[in-house]
C-alpha cells in the first residue's frame, strides 16, 4: 500500500504501491481545459493542475496532484473504513474521482480547501464500469499546513495533520494513537510493510532527518520514500499478487515542479509549470 509525506512545508509526495500499473502518466490540466463534474457545475477556467493520472475518455483520474499556486493533494487507498454516500441537497456533491480536480482547480490554500470540504459530500459514484469506485482518503497540504480527509459513516472528517504523514487503513486518528506508543523510541521501530508500521517509520524519519549538510532536498525526499517503499518479492498478500512501489513522486509546492521515479527507472525525471503553456484547452500527457 501507499505512503504520503509532507516535508519542510514545501514538498508533498507519495509512493504508489500496487500489483500493476494502469498506464498512469504525468498529466497537466491547463487553465482552460473544461472540467466536468457529475453533480456540480463544471469549471471552464481554473488553476492549472499537474500530477500522475490515468486519462480515460479525456478525463484525468488523478492519483495525486498540485496546482500552479502551491496547493497539493494525494489520494491513498483506504479500503477498510471508506463509506461514500448518496447525493444530497444542501451539500457539495463530488464523486471520489472528482475531488482532486475539484479542490485543486479552485483553491489556493488548505484554508480554502477546508472551507469547501466542510460542506462536501463524497458520492458513491464510479467513473465508469471499468474503473468503478475506489475507496480513498486524501492528504492536502500547502506551504503552511496539512490536513487529512476521510469519508466515513458519519460523513466527511477533516483532521489537522502536524505529523505530515498518511498511509492506509485504519483511520488517521488510530494511526496517531498507535504512533504515540513509539514517539520516544530511537531504535527498534516497527519494520514490516503494514500501514501502521510505515506511518511510524515515516514520521520518525521526517522528524529526525539531519539536513545540515544536505543541499539536494529532492534527493533526500526520495530517500525517505525509499524507506517505506515495497520491493518485489517482499510483500505478497494471500489474496492478491505481490505489491511493489510502481512509482514515487515529489511535488515541490514552492517552485511548481513535479519530480518522479518508477520501479524500473530510478533516474529522477520532472515537469515544471514554468516550462509549459498553461492557457491551452487540451490535456498535456507525458
Protein backbone atom coordinates (compact mmCIF):
# COMPACT_ATOMS: atom_id res chain seq x y z
CA UNK A 1 0.00 0.00 0.00
CA UNK A 2 0.96 3.66 -0.26
CA UNK A 3 2.65 6.29 1.90
CA UNK A 4 2.45 10.07 1.60
CA UNK A 5 4.81 12.61 3.21
CA UNK A 6 4.68 16.41 3.57
CA UNK A 7 8.14 17.76 4.31
CA UNK A 8 9.65 21.15 5.19
CA UNK A 9 6.35 22.92 4.38
CA UNK A 10 7.37 22.60 0.74
CA UNK A 11 7.45 19.04 -0.57
CA UNK A 12 4.45 16.73 -0.86
CA UNK A 13 4.88 13.28 -2.33
CA UNK A 14 3.96 9.65 -2.16
CA UNK A 15 4.68 6.09 -3.13
CA UNK A 16 2.16 4.27 -5.32
CA UNK A 17 2.25 0.66 -4.13
CA UNK A 18 0.17 -1.81 -6.11
CA UNK A 19 0.27 -5.04 -8.09
CA UNK A 20 0.22 -3.48 -11.54
CA UNK A 21 0.34 -0.23 -13.47
CA UNK A 22 -2.78 1.05 -15.22
CA UNK A 23 -0.94 3.19 -17.73
CA UNK A 24 -0.69 6.26 -15.49
CA UNK A 25 1.31 9.17 -16.86
CA UNK A 26 2.26 12.68 -15.75
CA UNK A 27 -0.71 14.79 -16.79
CA UNK A 28 -1.27 18.55 -16.90
CA UNK A 29 -4.72 20.13 -16.86
CA UNK A 30 -4.28 23.63 -18.38
CA UNK A 31 -6.32 26.56 -17.12
CA UNK A 32 -8.84 26.43 -19.97
CA UNK A 33 -9.47 22.69 -20.08
CA UNK A 34 -13.16 22.12 -19.36
CA UNK A 35 -13.54 20.17 -16.11
CA UNK A 36 -16.91 18.45 -15.87
CA UNK A 37 -18.49 17.12 -12.67
CA UNK A 38 -21.38 14.70 -12.23
CA UNK A 39 -23.36 16.70 -9.67
CA UNK A 40 -21.84 20.19 -9.58
CA UNK A 41 -21.32 22.92 -12.14
CA UNK A 42 -18.24 22.42 -14.27
CA UNK A 43 -15.21 24.71 -14.49
CA UNK A 44 -14.30 26.24 -17.83
CA UNK A 45 -11.46 28.22 -16.25
CA UNK A 46 -9.43 27.20 -13.21
CA UNK A 47 -5.92 26.83 -11.83
CA UNK A 48 -3.60 24.61 -13.83
CA UNK A 49 -3.07 21.17 -12.25
CA UNK A 50 -0.20 18.71 -12.64
CA UNK A 51 0.16 15.16 -11.33
CA UNK A 52 0.08 11.46 -12.10
CA UNK A 53 -3.16 10.28 -13.67
CA UNK A 54 -4.86 7.74 -15.84
CA UNK A 55 -6.66 9.56 -18.65
CA UNK A 56 -9.93 7.90 -19.66
CA UNK A 57 -12.39 9.45 -22.10
CA UNK A 58 -10.32 12.65 -21.99
CA UNK A 59 -10.78 12.94 -18.23
CA UNK A 60 -7.81 12.91 -15.80
CA UNK A 61 -8.20 10.37 -12.99
CA UNK A 62 -5.54 11.78 -10.67
CA UNK A 63 -3.65 9.72 -8.11
CA UNK A 64 -2.21 12.96 -6.75
CA UNK A 65 -1.51 16.47 -7.99
CA UNK A 66 -0.64 20.07 -7.27
CA UNK A 67 -1.86 23.34 -8.71
CA UNK A 68 0.09 26.31 -10.00
CA UNK A 69 -0.41 28.34 -6.80
CA UNK A 70 1.13 25.80 -4.41
CA UNK A 71 -1.64 23.55 -3.14
CA UNK A 72 -1.03 19.80 -3.31
CA UNK A 73 -3.15 16.72 -2.74
CA UNK A 74 -2.60 12.95 -2.62
CA UNK A 75 -5.17 10.15 -2.65
CA UNK A 76 -4.32 6.83 -0.97
CA UNK A 77 -6.16 3.52 -0.81
CA UNK A 78 -8.41 3.36 2.26
CA UNK A 79 -10.17 0.06 1.81
CA UNK A 80 -11.44 -0.88 5.24
CA UNK A 81 -13.22 2.25 6.51
CA UNK A 82 -14.35 4.26 3.47
CA UNK A 83 -18.07 4.96 3.28
CA UNK A 84 -19.34 7.02 0.36
CA UNK A 85 -22.89 8.37 0.38
CA UNK A 86 -25.84 9.26 -1.83
CA UNK A 87 -26.06 12.74 -3.31
CA UNK A 88 -27.99 15.06 -1.03
CA UNK A 89 -29.40 18.58 -1.13
CA UNK A 90 -27.53 21.34 0.65
CA UNK A 91 -24.12 19.76 0.13
CA UNK A 92 -21.36 20.00 -2.47
CA UNK A 93 -21.72 16.56 -4.06
CA UNK A 94 -18.47 15.28 -5.55
CA UNK A 95 -17.54 11.79 -6.77
CA UNK A 96 -14.27 10.31 -5.42
CA UNK A 97 -12.50 10.65 -8.79
CA UNK A 98 -13.50 14.33 -8.97
CA UNK A 99 -12.28 15.57 -5.60
CA UNK A 100 -8.65 16.27 -6.63
CA UNK A 101 -9.51 18.40 -9.69
CA UNK A 102 -12.43 19.99 -7.81
CA UNK A 103 -10.23 21.17 -4.93
CA UNK A 104 -7.04 21.95 -6.86
CA UNK A 105 -8.93 23.70 -9.64
CA UNK A 106 -10.24 26.46 -7.39
CA UNK A 107 -8.47 26.52 -4.00
CA UNK A 108 -5.28 28.47 -3.27
CA UNK A 109 -4.64 27.08 0.19
CA UNK A 110 -5.54 24.42 2.73
CA UNK A 111 -7.72 27.04 4.42
CA UNK A 112 -9.79 27.47 1.27
CA UNK A 113 -9.91 23.71 0.70
CA UNK A 114 -11.14 23.14 4.26
CA UNK A 115 -13.96 25.64 3.67
CA UNK A 116 -15.12 23.65 0.62
CA UNK A 117 -14.73 20.30 2.36
CA UNK A 118 -16.83 21.31 5.35
CA UNK A 119 -19.84 21.43 3.00
CA UNK A 120 -18.86 18.44 0.86
CA UNK A 121 -20.42 15.02 0.45
CA UNK A 122 -18.43 12.28 -1.32
CA UNK A 123 -20.90 10.42 -3.52
CA UNK A 124 -20.72 6.70 -4.19
CA UNK A 125 -20.27 7.21 -7.94
CA UNK A 126 -17.67 5.44 -10.08
CA UNK A 127 -16.18 6.91 -13.25
CA UNK A 128 -17.34 4.05 -15.45
CA UNK A 129 -17.71 0.27 -15.36
CA UNK A 130 -14.00 -0.28 -15.92
CA UNK A 131 -12.71 1.97 -13.15
CA UNK A 132 -15.54 1.69 -10.65
CA UNK A 133 -15.31 3.38 -7.25
CA UNK A 134 -12.01 3.32 -5.38
CA UNK A 135 -12.01 3.59 -1.56
CA UNK A 136 -9.70 6.53 -0.85
CA UNK A 137 -8.71 9.13 1.69
CA UNK A 138 -6.73 12.28 0.94
CA UNK A 139 -3.93 14.45 2.29
CA UNK A 140 -3.92 18.13 1.34
CA UNK A 141 -1.01 20.48 2.01
CA UNK A 142 0.35 23.90 1.16
CA UNK A 143 3.34 25.86 2.47
CA UNK A 144 1.77 26.35 5.91
CA UNK A 145 -0.39 23.39 6.95
CA UNK A 146 -1.55 19.88 6.18
CA UNK A 147 -4.85 18.00 6.66
CA UNK A 148 -6.24 14.50 6.12
CA UNK A 149 -9.75 13.97 4.75
CA UNK A 150 -11.75 10.75 5.23
CA UNK A 151 -15.28 9.85 4.14
CA UNK A 152 -16.78 7.73 6.93
CA UNK A 153 -20.22 6.56 8.00
CA UNK A 154 -20.83 9.84 9.84
CA UNK A 155 -19.72 11.95 6.88
CA UNK A 156 -16.56 13.77 5.86
CA UNK A 157 -13.98 14.02 8.66
CA UNK A 158 -11.09 16.52 8.49
CA UNK A 159 -8.01 16.01 10.65
CA UNK A 160 -5.21 18.51 11.22
CA UNK A 161 -2.02 16.66 10.33
CA UNK A 162 1.02 18.01 12.19
CA UNK A 163 2.74 14.65 11.62
CA UNK A 164 2.95 15.25 7.86
CA UNK A 165 2.37 11.57 7.02
CA UNK A 166 -0.55 9.49 5.76
CA UNK A 167 -0.67 5.78 4.95
CA UNK A 168 -3.69 3.50 4.50
CA UNK A 169 -6.21 1.98 6.91
CA UNK A 170 -7.04 2.37 9.78
CA UNK A 171 -8.37 5.90 10.23
CA UNK A 172 -5.91 8.73 10.80
CA UNK A 173 -6.79 9.15 14.48
CA UNK A 174 -5.97 5.48 15.13
CA UNK A 175 -2.66 5.84 13.29
CA UNK A 176 -1.73 8.76 15.55
CA UNK A 177 -2.76 6.83 18.67
CA UNK A 178 -0.54 3.93 17.62
CA UNK A 179 2.36 6.30 16.83
CA UNK A 180 2.26 7.61 20.40
CA UNK A 181 3.48 4.17 21.53
CA UNK A 182 6.73 4.76 19.62
CA UNK A 183 7.32 8.51 19.77
CA UNK A 184 10.10 8.27 22.38
CA UNK A 185 11.96 5.40 20.71
CA UNK A 186 15.19 5.86 18.75
CA UNK A 187 15.64 2.20 17.84
CA UNK A 188 13.55 -0.94 17.40
CA UNK A 189 11.00 0.84 15.25
CA UNK A 190 8.41 -1.43 13.57
CA UNK A 191 9.88 -2.91 10.42
CA UNK A 192 7.17 -4.56 8.32
CA UNK A 193 5.14 -3.13 5.41
CA UNK A 194 1.85 -2.71 7.26
CA UNK A 195 0.17 0.68 7.18
CA UNK A 196 0.72 1.35 10.88
CA UNK A 197 4.42 0.39 10.71
CA UNK A 198 5.02 2.62 7.70
CA UNK A 199 3.26 5.52 9.42
CA UNK A 200 5.54 5.25 12.47
CA UNK A 201 8.73 4.91 10.42
CA UNK A 202 7.82 7.77 8.09
CA UNK A 203 7.02 10.18 10.95
CA UNK A 204 10.22 9.24 12.77
CA UNK A 205 12.30 9.72 9.62
CA UNK A 206 10.59 13.02 8.73
CA UNK A 207 11.18 14.41 12.21
CA UNK A 208 14.76 13.23 12.65
CA UNK A 209 16.36 13.77 9.24
CA UNK A 210 19.68 15.61 9.56
CA UNK A 211 19.59 18.23 6.80
CA UNK A 212 22.53 20.30 7.99
CA UNK A 213 24.77 19.28 5.11
CA UNK A 214 22.09 18.37 2.56
CA UNK A 215 21.88 20.62 -0.49
CA UNK A 216 19.64 18.45 -2.67
CA UNK A 217 16.33 18.30 -0.81
CA UNK A 218 14.62 16.40 -3.64
CA UNK A 219 17.13 13.55 -3.49
CA UNK A 220 16.68 13.46 0.27
CA UNK A 221 12.89 13.29 -0.12
CA UNK A 222 13.15 10.29 -2.43
CA UNK A 223 15.46 8.57 0.06
CA UNK A 224 12.75 9.00 2.70
CA UNK A 225 10.22 7.43 0.35
CA UNK A 226 12.63 4.56 -0.30
CA UNK A 227 12.47 3.76 3.41
CA UNK A 228 8.77 2.89 3.09
CA UNK A 229 8.84 1.53 -0.47
CA UNK A 230 7.96 -2.03 -1.41
CA UNK A 231 10.42 -4.32 -3.18
CA UNK A 232 9.41 -7.13 -5.49
CA UNK A 233 9.02 -10.41 -3.61
CA UNK A 234 8.87 -8.91 -0.11
CA UNK A 235 5.15 -8.20 0.31
CA UNK A 236 2.69 -10.68 -1.13
CA UNK A 237 -0.86 -10.62 0.18
CA UNK A 238 -2.54 -14.01 0.47
CA UNK A 239 -5.48 -12.77 -1.61
CA UNK A 240 -3.51 -10.66 -4.11
CA UNK A 241 -0.40 -10.67 -6.23
CA UNK A 242 2.75 -9.15 -4.76
CA UNK A 243 2.89 -5.37 -4.41
CA UNK A 244 5.75 -3.15 -5.49
CA UNK A 245 6.26 0.61 -5.45
CA UNK A 246 5.28 1.31 -9.03
CA UNK A 247 6.35 4.96 -8.80
CA UNK A 248 7.29 7.61 -6.26
CA UNK A 249 6.83 11.35 -6.66
CA UNK A 250 7.91 14.60 -5.04
CA UNK A 251 5.88 17.76 -5.66
CA UNK A 252 7.75 20.99 -5.00
CA UNK A 253 4.87 23.26 -3.96
CA UNK A 254 7.16 26.30 -3.88
CA UNK A 255 8.66 26.02 -7.37
CA UNK A 256 5.83 24.16 -9.10
CA UNK A 257 7.95 21.17 -10.14
CA UNK A 258 6.72 17.58 -10.21
CA UNK A 259 9.54 15.01 -9.79
CA UNK A 260 9.03 11.27 -10.23
CA UNK A 261 10.79 7.92 -10.49
CA UNK A 262 9.49 4.45 -11.34
CA UNK A 263 10.35 0.98 -10.08
CA UNK A 264 12.24 0.19 -13.28
CA UNK A 265 13.81 3.62 -13.87
CA UNK A 266 15.45 5.29 -10.88
CA UNK A 267 16.63 8.41 -12.68
CA UNK A 268 14.62 11.38 -11.40
CA UNK A 269 12.50 12.99 -14.12
CA UNK A 270 10.48 16.15 -13.75
CA UNK A 271 7.90 18.50 -15.21
CA UNK A 272 7.62 22.19 -14.34
CA UNK A 273 4.73 24.65 -14.62
CA UNK A 274 7.12 27.40 -15.76
CA UNK A 275 8.09 25.39 -18.84
CA UNK A 276 4.52 24.78 -20.02
CA UNK A 277 1.87 26.79 -21.83
CA UNK A 278 -0.87 26.86 -19.22
CA UNK A 279 -3.65 28.56 -21.19
CA UNK A 280 -4.40 25.63 -23.51
CA UNK A 281 -7.74 23.82 -23.72
CA UNK A 282 -6.43 20.25 -24.08
CA UNK A 283 -4.72 17.94 -21.61
CA UNK A 284 -0.96 17.54 -21.79
CA UNK A 285 0.13 13.95 -21.13
CA UNK A 286 3.80 12.98 -20.94
